[in-house]
PDB file of N, CA and C in Angstrom:
ATOM      1  N   MET A   1     -66.866 145.085  42.041  1.00  0.00           N
ATOM      2  CA  MET A   1     -66.147 145.303  40.766  1.00  0.00           C
ATOM      3  C   MET A   1     -66.062 146.736  40.278  1.00  0.00           C
ATOM      4  N   GLY A   2     -67.654 147.508  40.477  1.00  0.00           N
ATOM      5  CA  GLY A   2     -67.501 148.720  40.698  1.00  0.00           C
ATOM      6  C   GLY A   2     -67.369 149.472  38.983  1.00  0.00           C
ATOM      7  N   LYS A   3     -67.453 148.434  37.925  1.00  0.00           N
ATOM      8  CA  LYS A   3     -67.233 149.109  36.783  1.00  0.00           C
ATOM      9  C   LYS A   3     -68.994 149.184  35.970  1.00  0.00           C
ATOM     10  N   ASN A   4     -68.834 149.983  35.090  1.00  0.00           N
ATOM     11  CA  ASN A   4     -69.964 150.256  34.430  1.00  0.00           C
ATOM     12  C   ASN A   4     -70.077 149.796  33.199  1.00  0.00           C
ATOM     13  N   PHE A   5     -71.119 148.634  32.325  1.00  0.00           N
ATOM     14  CA  PHE A   5     -70.659 148.301  31.096  1.00  0.00           C
ATOM     15  C   PHE A   5     -71.792 148.915  30.467  1.00  0.00           C
ATOM     16  N   LEU A   6     -71.755 149.053  29.071  1.00  0.00           N
ATOM     17  CA  LEU A   6     -73.135 149.097  27.986  1.00  0.00           C
ATOM     18  C   LEU A   6     -73.517 147.985  27.722  1.00  0.00           C
ATOM     19  N   VAL A   7     -74.831 147.662  27.436  1.00  0.00           N
ATOM     20  CA  VAL A   7     -75.174 146.522  27.100  1.00  0.00           C
ATOM     21  C   VAL A   7     -75.643 146.518  25.485  1.00  0.00           C
ATOM     22  N   TYR A   8     -74.870 145.683  24.643  1.00  0.00           N
ATOM     23  CA  TYR A   8     -75.223 145.751  23.241  1.00  0.00           C
ATOM     24  C   TYR A   8     -76.405 145.124  22.963  1.00  0.00           C
ATOM     25  N   ALA A   9     -76.744 143.962  23.568  1.00  0.00           N
ATOM     26  CA  ALA A   9     -77.860 142.808  23.146  1.00  0.00           C
ATOM     27  C   ALA A   9     -77.858 142.014  24.539  1.00  0.00           C
ATOM     28  N   LEU A  10     -79.271 141.471  24.281  1.00  0.00           N
ATOM     29  CA  LEU A  10     -79.841 140.540  25.250  1.00  0.00           C
ATOM     30  C   LEU A  10     -80.074 139.239  24.583  1.00  0.00           C
ATOM     31  N   SER A  11     -79.473 137.887  25.135  1.00  0.00           N
ATOM     32  CA  SER A  11     -79.574 136.751  25.022  1.00  0.00           C
ATOM     33  C   SER A  11     -80.711 136.171  25.916  1.00  0.00           C
ATOM     34  N   PHE A  12     -81.945 135.594  25.430  1.00  0.00           N
ATOM     35  CA  PHE A  12     -82.656 134.713  26.395  1.00  0.00           C
ATOM     36  C   PHE A  12     -82.815 133.409  25.938  1.00  0.00           C
ATOM     37  N   ILE A  13     -82.071 132.805  27.269  1.00  0.00           N
ATOM     38  CA  ILE A  13     -81.785 131.314  27.457  1.00  0.00           C
ATOM     39  C   ILE A  13     -82.470 130.447  28.399  1.00  0.00           C
ATOM     40  N   PHE A  14     -83.687 129.527  28.341  1.00  0.00           N
ATOM     41  CA  PHE A  14     -84.322 128.855  29.267  1.00  0.00           C
ATOM     42  C   PHE A  14     -84.715 130.346  30.111  1.00  0.00           C
ATOM     43  N   ASP A  15     -84.341 130.254  31.669  1.00  0.00           N
ATOM     44  CA  ASP A  15     -84.669 131.163  32.625  1.00  0.00           C
ATOM     45  C   ASP A  15     -83.470 132.078  32.541  1.00  0.00           C
ATOM     46  N   ARG A  16     -82.970 132.296  32.040  1.00  0.00           N
ATOM     47  CA  ARG A  16     -81.436 133.077  31.801  1.00  0.00           C
ATOM     48  C   ARG A  16     -81.480 134.170  30.982  1.00  0.00           C
ATOM     49  N   VAL A  17     -80.776 135.289  31.278  1.00  0.00           N
ATOM     50  CA  VAL A  17     -80.886 136.188  30.430  1.00  0.00           C
ATOM     51  C   VAL A  17     -79.039 136.642  30.497  1.00  0.00           C
ATOM     52  N   ASP A  18     -78.530 136.517  28.923  1.00  0.00           N
ATOM     53  CA  ASP A  18     -77.221 136.968  28.720  1.00  0.00           C
ATOM     54  C   ASP A  18     -77.333 138.469  28.393  1.00  0.00           C
ATOM     55  N   TYR A  19     -75.947 139.045  28.586  1.00  0.00           N
ATOM     56  CA  TYR A  19     -75.863 140.664  27.903  1.00  0.00           C
ATOM     57  C   TYR A  19     -74.524 139.933  27.200  1.00  0.00           C
ATOM     58  N   LEU A  20     -74.808 140.873  25.945  1.00  0.00           N
ATOM     59  CA  LEU A  20     -73.544 141.386  25.149  1.00  0.00           C
ATOM     60  C   LEU A  20     -72.881 142.615  25.518  1.00  0.00           C
ATOM     61  N   LEU A  21     -71.766 142.445  25.923  1.00  0.00           N
ATOM     62  CA  LEU A  21     -70.853 143.287  26.851  1.00  0.00           C
ATOM     63  C   LEU A  21     -69.362 143.632  25.831  1.00  0.00           C
ATOM     64  N   ARG A  22     -68.988 144.788  26.184  1.00  0.00           N
ATOM     65  CA  ARG A  22     -67.432 145.200  25.944  1.00  0.00           C
ATOM     66  C   ARG A  22     -66.745 146.087  26.838  1.00  0.00           C
ATOM     67  N   ALA A  23     -65.652 145.210  27.308  1.00  0.00           N
ATOM     68  CA  ALA A  23     -64.757 145.729  28.007  1.00  0.00           C
ATOM     69  C   ALA A  23     -63.987 146.774  27.148  1.00  0.00           C
ATOM     70  N   PRO A  24     -63.253 147.836  27.675  1.00  0.00           N
ATOM     71  CA  PRO A  24     -62.476 148.442  26.986  1.00  0.00           C
ATOM     72  C   PRO A  24     -61.303 147.859  26.386  1.00  0.00           C
ATOM     73  N   ASP A  25     -61.223 148.410  25.079  1.00  0.00           N
ATOM     74  CA  ASP A  25     -59.889 147.496  24.248  1.00  0.00           C
ATOM     75  C   ASP A  25     -60.024 146.047  24.056  1.00  0.00           C
ATOM     76  N   GLN A  26     -61.305 145.688  24.153  1.00  0.00           N
ATOM     77  CA  GLN A  26     -61.374 143.983  24.174  1.00  0.00           C
ATOM     78  C   GLN A  26     -62.950 144.117  23.361  1.00  0.00           C
ATOM     79  N   PRO A  27     -62.577 142.832  22.401  1.00  0.00           N
ATOM     80  CA  PRO A  27     -63.920 142.292  21.762  1.00  0.00           C
ATOM     81  C   PRO A  27     -65.308 142.252  22.650  1.00  0.00           C
ATOM     82  N   PRO A  28     -66.351 142.217  21.794  1.00  0.00           N
ATOM     83  CA  PRO A  28     -67.616 142.008  22.602  1.00  0.00           C
ATOM     84  C   PRO A  28     -67.778 140.267  23.260  1.00  0.00           C
ATOM     85  N   PHE A  29     -68.486 140.198  24.175  1.00  0.00           N
ATOM     86  CA  PHE A  29     -68.590 139.028  24.934  1.00  0.00           C
ATOM     87  C   PHE A  29     -69.951 138.754  25.481  1.00  0.00           C
ATOM     88  N   TRP A  30     -70.297 137.680  25.636  1.00  0.00           N
ATOM     89  CA  TRP A  30     -71.684 137.184  26.323  1.00  0.00           C
ATOM     90  C   TRP A  30     -71.260 136.868  27.720  1.00  0.00           C
ATOM     91  N   ALA A  31     -72.034 137.548  28.761  1.00  0.00           N
ATOM     92  CA  ALA A  31     -72.146 136.921  30.039  1.00  0.00           C
ATOM     93  C   ALA A  31     -73.756 137.184  30.969  1.00  0.00           C
ATOM     94  N   PRO A  32     -73.528 136.285  31.709  1.00  0.00           N
ATOM     95  CA  PRO A  32     -74.541 136.044  32.759  1.00  0.00           C
ATOM     96  C   PRO A  32     -75.335 137.302  33.078  1.00  0.00           C
ATOM     97  N   SER A  33     -76.547 137.667  32.940  1.00  0.00           N
ATOM     98  CA  SER A  33     -77.011 138.949  33.508  1.00  0.00           C
ATOM     99  C   SER A  33     -76.907 139.289  35.077  1.00  0.00           C
ATOM    100  N   ASN A  34     -76.862 137.829  35.857  1.00  0.00           N
ATOM    101  CA  ASN A  34     -76.884 137.604  37.353  1.00  0.00           C
ATOM    102  C   ASN A  34     -75.609 138.150  37.781  1.00  0.00           C
ATOM    103  N   LEU A  35     -74.672 138.463  37.134  1.00  0.00           N
ATOM    104  CA  LEU A  35     -73.359 138.712  37.391  1.00  0.00           C
ATOM    105  C   LEU A  35     -73.133 140.546  37.768  1.00  0.00           C
ATOM    106  N   PHE A  36     -74.360 141.141  36.981  1.00  0.00           N
ATOM    107  CA  PHE A  36     -74.245 142.666  37.143  1.00  0.00           C
ATOM    108  C   PHE A  36     -75.391 143.260  37.647  1.00  0.00           C
ATOM    109  N   ASP A  37     -75.292 144.038  38.209  1.00  0.00           N
ATOM    110  CA  ASP A  37     -76.650 145.139  38.770  1.00  0.00           C
ATOM    111  C   ASP A  37     -77.050 145.950  37.635  1.00  0.00           C
ATOM    112  N   LEU A  38     -78.643 145.977  37.013  1.00  0.00           N
ATOM    113  CA  LEU A  38     -78.815 146.632  36.209  1.00  0.00           C
ATOM    114  C   LEU A  38     -79.181 148.505  36.876  1.00  0.00           C
ATOM    115  N   ILE A  39     -78.490 149.246  35.654  1.00  0.00           N
ATOM    116  CA  ILE A  39     -78.701 150.604  36.299  1.00  0.00           C
ATOM    117  C   ILE A  39     -79.530 151.356  35.794  1.00  0.00           C
ATOM    118  N   ASP A  40     -79.994 151.090  33.948  1.00  0.00           N
ATOM    119  CA  ASP A  40     -80.811 151.794  33.322  1.00  0.00           C
ATOM    120  C   ASP A  40     -81.409 150.696  32.393  1.00  0.00           C
ATOM    121  N   SER A  41     -82.802 150.662  32.379  1.00  0.00           N
ATOM    122  CA  SER A  41     -83.469 149.549  31.824  1.00  0.00           C
ATOM    123  C   SER A  41     -84.140 150.096  30.757  1.00  0.00           C
ATOM    124  N   GLN A  42     -83.553 151.289  30.303  1.00  0.00           N
ATOM    125  CA  GLN A  42     -84.471 151.617  28.961  1.00  0.00           C
ATOM    126  C   GLN A  42     -83.635 151.177  27.789  1.00  0.00           C
ATOM    127  N   ILE A  43     -84.522 150.525  26.825  1.00  0.00           N
ATOM    128  CA  ILE A  43     -84.162 149.788  25.606  1.00  0.00           C
ATOM    129  C   ILE A  43     -83.444 150.752  24.601  1.00  0.00           C
ATOM    130  N   PRO A  44     -82.364 150.570  23.627  1.00  0.00           N
ATOM    131  CA  PRO A  44     -82.043 151.633  22.694  1.00  0.00           C
ATOM    132  C   PRO A  44     -83.066 151.668  21.725  1.00  0.00           C
ATOM    133  N   SER A  45     -83.083 152.739  21.251  1.00  0.00           N
ATOM    134  CA  SER A  45     -83.676 152.747  19.841  1.00  0.00           C
ATOM    135  C   SER A  45     -82.962 152.194  18.880  1.00  0.00           C
ATOM    136  N   GLY A  46     -83.829 151.421  17.866  1.00  0.00           N
ATOM    137  CA  GLY A  46     -83.249 150.859  16.692  1.00  0.00           C
ATOM    138  C   GLY A  46     -82.985 149.405  17.092  1.00  0.00           C
ATOM    139  N   TRP A  47     -83.138 149.409  18.201  1.00  0.00           N
ATOM    140  CA  TRP A  47     -82.703 147.568  18.509  1.00  0.00           C
ATOM    141  C   TRP A  47     -83.778 146.994  17.776  1.00  0.00           C
ATOM    142  N   GLU A  48     -83.417 145.615  17.604  1.00  0.00           N
ATOM    143  CA  GLU A  48     -84.484 144.425  16.739  1.00  0.00           C
ATOM    144  C   GLU A  48     -84.834 143.435  17.704  1.00  0.00           C
ATOM    145  N   PHE A  49     -85.641 142.626  17.213  1.00  0.00           N
ATOM    146  CA  PHE A  49     -85.766 141.197  18.177  1.00  0.00           C
ATOM    147  C   PHE A  49     -85.911 140.033  17.225  1.00  0.00           C
ATOM    148  N   CYS A  50     -85.239 138.859  17.362  1.00  0.00           N
ATOM    149  CA  CYS A  50     -85.371 137.895  16.629  1.00  0.00           C
ATOM    150  C   CYS A  50     -85.858 136.772  17.543  1.00  0.00           C
ATOM    151  N   ILE A  51     -86.630 136.193  17.094  1.00  0.00           N
ATOM    152  CA  ILE A  51     -87.017 134.618  17.688  1.00  0.00           C
ATOM    153  C   ILE A  51     -86.462 133.735  17.065  1.00  0.00           C
ATOM    154  N   THR A  52     -85.663 132.929  17.679  1.00  0.00           N
ATOM    155  CA  THR A  52     -85.121 132.030  16.770  1.00  0.00           C
ATOM    156  C   THR A  52     -85.438 131.011  16.448  1.00  0.00           C
ATOM    157  N   GLN A  53     -86.350 130.256  17.004  1.00  0.00           N
ATOM    158  CA  GLN A  53     -87.361 129.214  16.368  1.00  0.00           C
ATOM    159  C   GLN A  53     -87.902 129.568  14.838  1.00  0.00           C
ATOM    160  N   SER A  54     -88.261 131.183  14.948  1.00  0.00           N
ATOM    161  CA  SER A  54     -88.927 130.916  13.718  1.00  0.00           C
ATOM    162  C   SER A  54     -87.932 131.659  12.453  1.00  0.00           C
ATOM    163  N   SER A  55     -86.997 131.359  12.676  1.00  0.00           N
ATOM    164  CA  SER A  55     -85.732 131.946  11.680  1.00  0.00           C
ATOM    165  C   SER A  55     -84.900 130.618  11.247  1.00  0.00           C
ATOM    166  N   ALA A  56     -85.215 130.505   9.979  1.00  0.00           N
ATOM    167  CA  ALA A  56     -83.904 129.437   9.467  1.00  0.00           C
ATOM    168  C   ALA A  56     -82.860 129.330   9.799  1.00  0.00           C
ATOM    169  N   ASP A  57     -81.868 130.531   9.632  1.00  0.00           N
ATOM    170  CA  ASP A  57     -80.567 130.629  10.157  1.00  0.00           C
ATOM    171  C   ASP A  57     -80.386 130.610  11.731  1.00  0.00           C
ATOM    172  N   TYR A  58     -81.125 131.202  12.491  1.00  0.00           N
ATOM    173  CA  TYR A  58     -80.913 131.214  13.975  1.00  0.00           C
ATOM    174  C   TYR A  58     -81.508 129.936  14.778  1.00  0.00           C
ATOM    175  N   ARG A  59     -82.317 129.165  14.071  1.00  0.00           N
ATOM    176  CA  ARG A  59     -82.994 128.302  14.830  1.00  0.00           C
ATOM    177  C   ARG A  59     -82.077 127.289  15.420  1.00  0.00           C
ATOM    178  N   VAL A  60     -81.038 127.294  14.765  1.00  0.00           N
ATOM    179  CA  VAL A  60     -79.953 126.259  15.363  1.00  0.00           C
ATOM    180  C   VAL A  60     -79.528 126.832  16.878  1.00  0.00           C
ATOM    181  N   LEU A  61     -79.642 128.192  17.006  1.00  0.00           N
ATOM    182  CA  LEU A  61     -79.186 128.646  18.497  1.00  0.00           C
ATOM    183  C   LEU A  61     -80.520 127.770  19.454  1.00  0.00           C
ATOM    184  N   PHE A  62     -81.725 127.716  18.942  1.00  0.00           N
ATOM    185  CA  PHE A  62     -82.437 127.085  20.111  1.00  0.00           C
ATOM    186  C   PHE A  62     -82.413 125.592  20.182  1.00  0.00           C
ATOM    187  N   ASP A  63     -81.936 125.053  18.993  1.00  0.00           N
ATOM    188  CA  ASP A  63     -82.137 123.432  19.070  1.00  0.00           C
ATOM    189  C   ASP A  63     -80.919 123.039  19.778  1.00  0.00           C
ATOM    190  N   VAL A  64     -79.700 123.862  19.671  1.00  0.00           N
ATOM    191  CA  VAL A  64     -78.475 123.383  20.303  1.00  0.00           C
ATOM    192  C   VAL A  64     -78.087 124.264  21.599  1.00  0.00           C
ATOM    193  N   PHE A  65     -78.318 125.375  21.987  1.00  0.00           N
ATOM    194  CA  PHE A  65     -78.129 125.949  23.276  1.00  0.00           C
ATOM    195  C   PHE A  65     -79.246 126.439  23.519  1.00  0.00           C
ATOM    196  N   GLY A  66     -80.591 126.384  23.385  1.00  0.00           N
ATOM    197  CA  GLY A  66     -81.756 126.458  23.988  1.00  0.00           C
ATOM    198  C   GLY A  66     -82.108 128.485  24.010  1.00  0.00           C
ATOM    199  N   ILE A  67     -81.325 128.910  23.159  1.00  0.00           N
ATOM    200  CA  ILE A  67     -81.245 130.516  22.914  1.00  0.00           C
ATOM    201  C   ILE A  67     -82.976 130.314  22.235  1.00  0.00           C
ATOM    202  N   HIS A  68     -84.017 131.055  22.812  1.00  0.00           N
ATOM    203  CA  HIS A  68     -84.877 131.525  21.992  1.00  0.00           C
ATOM    204  C   HIS A  68     -85.027 132.461  21.785  1.00  0.00           C
ATOM    205  N   SER A  69     -84.627 133.541  22.054  1.00  0.00           N
ATOM    206  CA  SER A  69     -84.868 134.985  21.501  1.00  0.00           C
ATOM    207  C   SER A  69     -83.342 135.648  21.513  1.00  0.00           C
ATOM    208  N   ILE A  70     -83.063 136.800  20.745  1.00  0.00           N
ATOM    209  CA  ILE A  70     -82.206 137.625  20.839  1.00  0.00           C
ATOM    210  C   ILE A  70     -82.634 139.422  20.744  1.00  0.00           C
ATOM    211  N   LEU A  71     -82.537 140.095  21.519  1.00  0.00           N
ATOM    212  CA  LEU A  71     -82.745 141.672  21.278  1.00  0.00           C
ATOM    213  C   LEU A  71     -81.560 142.566  21.484  1.00  0.00           C
ATOM    214  N   GLY A  72     -81.323 142.973  20.278  1.00  0.00           N
ATOM    215  CA  GLY A  72     -80.140 143.715  20.146  1.00  0.00           C
ATOM    216  C   GLY A  72     -79.622 144.605  18.932  1.00  0.00           C
ATOM    217  N   TYR A  73     -78.729 145.170  18.528  1.00  0.00           N
ATOM    218  CA  TYR A  73     -78.706 146.130  17.196  1.00  0.00           C
ATOM    219  C   TYR A  73     -78.809 145.030  15.958  1.00  0.00           C
ATOM    220  N   SER A  74     -79.324 146.062  15.152  1.00  0.00           N
ATOM    221  CA  SER A  74     -79.836 145.286  13.871  1.00  0.00           C
ATOM    222  C   SER A  74     -78.977 144.182  13.073  1.00  0.00           C
ATOM    223  N   LEU A  75     -77.680 144.183  13.153  1.00  0.00           N
ATOM    224  CA  LEU A  75     -76.669 143.365  12.384  1.00  0.00           C
ATOM    225  C   LEU A  75     -76.987 142.113  13.462  1.00  0.00           C
ATOM    226  N   LEU A  76     -76.709 142.172  14.794  1.00  0.00           N
ATOM    227  CA  LEU A  76     -76.687 141.308  15.014  1.00  0.00           C
ATOM    228  C   LEU A  76     -78.124 139.947  15.236  1.00  0.00           C
ATOM    229  N   VAL A  77     -79.275 140.500  15.153  1.00  0.00           N
ATOM    230  CA  VAL A  77     -80.338 139.858  15.048  1.00  0.00           C
ATOM    231  C   VAL A  77     -80.655 139.371  13.576  1.00  0.00           C
ATOM    232  N   ASN A  78     -80.123 139.955  12.625  1.00  0.00           N
ATOM    233  CA  ASN A  78     -80.299 139.926  11.215  1.00  0.00           C
ATOM    234  C   ASN A  78     -79.501 139.313  10.216  1.00  0.00           C
ATOM    235  N   GLU A  79     -78.221 138.872  11.011  1.00  0.00           N
ATOM    236  CA  GLU A  79     -77.282 138.187  10.151  1.00  0.00           C
ATOM    237  C   GLU A  79     -76.725 137.245  10.757  1.00  0.00           C
ATOM    238  N   TYR A  80     -76.813 136.031  10.611  1.00  0.00           N
ATOM    239  CA  TYR A  80     -76.495 135.117  11.490  1.00  0.00           C
ATOM    240  C   TYR A  80     -75.059 134.973  11.287  1.00  0.00           C
ATOM    241  N   GLN A  81     -74.636 135.101  10.318  1.00  0.00           N
ATOM    242  CA  GLN A  81     -72.973 135.469  10.408  1.00  0.00           C
ATOM    243  C   GLN A  81     -72.267 136.158  11.207  1.00  0.00           C
ATOM    244  N   HIS A  82     -72.927 136.945  11.472  1.00  0.00           N
ATOM    245  CA  HIS A  82     -72.441 138.136  11.956  1.00  0.00           C
ATOM    246  C   HIS A  82     -72.375 137.900  13.533  1.00  0.00           C
ATOM    247  N   TYR A  83     -73.526 137.065  14.040  1.00  0.00           N
ATOM    248  CA  TYR A  83     -73.800 136.524  15.237  1.00  0.00           C
ATOM    249  C   TYR A  83     -72.513 135.592  15.686  1.00  0.00           C
ATOM    250  N   VAL A  84     -72.201 134.598  14.691  1.00  0.00           N
ATOM    251  CA  VAL A  84     -71.404 133.871  14.825  1.00  0.00           C
ATOM    252  C   VAL A  84     -69.903 134.214  14.855  1.00  0.00           C
ATOM    253  N   GLY A  85     -69.868 135.534  14.139  1.00  0.00           N
ATOM    254  CA  GLY A  85     -68.593 135.834  14.213  1.00  0.00           C
ATOM    255  C   GLY A  85     -68.053 136.636  15.639  1.00  0.00           C
ATOM    256  N   ILE A  86     -69.269 137.177  16.051  1.00  0.00           N
ATOM    257  CA  ILE A  86     -69.015 137.935  17.439  1.00  0.00           C
ATOM    258  C   ILE A  86     -68.706 136.904  18.418  1.00  0.00           C
ATOM    259  N   VAL A  87     -69.743 135.845  18.416  1.00  0.00           N
ATOM    260  CA  VAL A  87     -68.934 134.419  19.326  1.00  0.00           C
ATOM    261  C   VAL A  87     -67.727 134.198  19.252  1.00  0.00           C
ATOM    262  N   GLU A  88     -67.183 133.831  17.767  1.00  0.00           N
ATOM    263  CA  GLU A  88     -65.780 133.271  17.865  1.00  0.00           C
ATOM    264  C   GLU A  88     -65.045 134.285  17.691  1.00  0.00           C
ATOM    265  N   ARG A  89     -65.396 135.620  17.620  1.00  0.00           N
ATOM    266  CA  ARG A  89     -64.521 136.660  17.939  1.00  0.00           C
ATOM    267  C   ARG A  89     -63.996 137.170  16.571  1.00  0.00           C
ATOM    268  N   GLU A  90     -64.186 136.840  15.408  1.00  0.00           N
ATOM    269  CA  GLU A  90     -63.762 137.061  14.065  1.00  0.00           C
ATOM    270  C   GLU A  90     -63.370 138.398  14.053  1.00  0.00           C
ATOM    271  N   PRO A  91     -62.174 138.834  13.562  1.00  0.00           N
ATOM    272  CA  PRO A  91     -61.710 140.090  13.598  1.00  0.00           C
ATOM    273  C   PRO A  91     -62.725 141.109  12.453  1.00  0.00           C
ATOM    274  N   ARG A  92     -63.162 140.613  11.290  1.00  0.00           N
ATOM    275  CA  ARG A  92     -64.096 141.083  10.420  1.00  0.00           C
ATOM    276  C   ARG A  92     -65.386 141.926  11.152  1.00  0.00           C
ATOM    277  N   GLU A  93     -66.057 140.552  11.881  1.00  0.00           N
ATOM    278  CA  GLU A  93     -67.034 140.721  12.264  1.00  0.00           C
ATOM    279  C   GLU A  93     -67.178 141.612  13.550  1.00  0.00           C
ATOM    280  N   VAL A  94     -66.061 141.862  14.460  1.00  0.00           N
ATOM    281  CA  VAL A  94     -65.598 142.281  15.595  1.00  0.00           C
ATOM    282  C   VAL A  94     -65.498 143.947  15.014  1.00  0.00           C
ATOM    283  N   LEU A  95     -64.854 144.184  14.061  1.00  0.00           N
ATOM    284  CA  LEU A  95     -65.029 145.400  13.268  1.00  0.00           C
ATOM    285  C   LEU A  95     -66.434 146.068  12.893  1.00  0.00           C
ATOM    286  N   LYS A  96     -66.881 145.070  12.425  1.00  0.00           N
ATOM    287  CA  LYS A  96     -68.862 145.435  12.009  1.00  0.00           C
ATOM    288  C   LYS A  96     -69.210 146.084  13.156  1.00  0.00           C
ATOM    289  N   PHE A  97     -68.902 145.236  14.343  1.00  0.00           N
ATOM    290  CA  PHE A  97     -69.900 145.588  15.563  1.00  0.00           C
ATOM    291  C   PHE A  97     -69.662 146.944  15.814  1.00  0.00           C
ATOM    292  N   MET A  98     -68.017 146.992  16.156  1.00  0.00           N
ATOM    293  CA  MET A  98     -67.567 148.554  16.355  1.00  0.00           C
ATOM    294  C   MET A  98     -68.174 149.583  15.402  1.00  0.00           C
ATOM    295  N   GLU A  99     -68.136 149.228  14.392  1.00  0.00           N
ATOM    296  CA  GLU A  99     -69.161 150.340  13.525  1.00  0.00           C
ATOM    297  C   GLU A  99     -70.230 150.316  13.672  1.00  0.00           C
ATOM    298  N   SER A 100     -71.134 149.430  13.700  1.00  0.00           N
ATOM    299  CA  SER A 100     -72.701 149.466  14.193  1.00  0.00           C
ATOM    300  C   SER A 100     -72.921 149.846  15.448  1.00  0.00           C
ATOM    301  N   THR A 101     -72.241 150.005  16.442  1.00  0.00           N
ATOM    302  CA  THR A 101     -72.443 150.271  17.899  1.00  0.00           C
ATOM    303  C   THR A 101     -71.761 151.626  18.162  1.00  0.00           C
ATOM    304  N   LEU A 102     -71.026 152.132  17.078  1.00  0.00           N
ATOM    305  CA  LEU A 102     -69.997 153.216  17.821  1.00  0.00           C
ATOM    306  C   LEU A 102     -71.052 154.601  18.323  1.00  0.00           C
ATOM    307  N   VAL A 103     -72.151 154.689  18.171  1.00  0.00           N
ATOM    308  CA  VAL A 103     -72.944 155.763  18.443  1.00  0.00           C
ATOM    309  C   VAL A 103     -73.318 155.441  20.030  1.00  0.00           C
ATOM    310  N   ARG A 104     -73.241 154.177  20.629  1.00  0.00           N
ATOM    311  CA  ARG A 104     -73.495 154.038  22.036  1.00  0.00           C
ATOM    312  C   ARG A 104     -71.811 154.186  22.559  1.00  0.00           C
ATOM    313  N   LYS A 105     -71.404 155.000  22.886  1.00  0.00           N
ATOM    314  CA  LYS A 105     -70.071 155.105  23.521  1.00  0.00           C
ATOM    315  C   LYS A 105     -70.335 154.571  25.120  1.00  0.00           C
ATOM    316  N   GLU A 106     -69.251 154.183  25.545  1.00  0.00           N
ATOM    317  CA  GLU A 106     -69.068 153.748  26.852  1.00  0.00           C
ATOM    318  C   GLU A 106     -68.738 154.726  28.021  1.00  0.00           C
ATOM    319  N   THR A 107     -69.799 154.689  28.604  1.00  0.00           N
ATOM    320  CA  THR A 107     -69.428 155.633  29.781  1.00  0.00           C
ATOM    321  C   THR A 107     -68.774 155.484  30.726  1.00  0.00           C
TER     322      THR A 107
END
């Protein structure tokens, strides 16, 4: 494919890791990491970690989908409704994503 994408979050599902990505002019989406070559392994400053089993709101992600943890920007790992809004591509939550990740411009 030859394109570079910024990774906005990581989701750990059993033995798989998914990336939260965004293509130009598109809302963010989750994609399996094995579809990409990792170019830069640094974790951005300000990222936070959520263990889904330890959170009342996020526990459903473990129970239903096997997602045991999420690493990413603060809003994603601290506000479950934002997480759901990103998955469902709700315009209000996509706008919040754009505002909270504006600092990390795509290369």
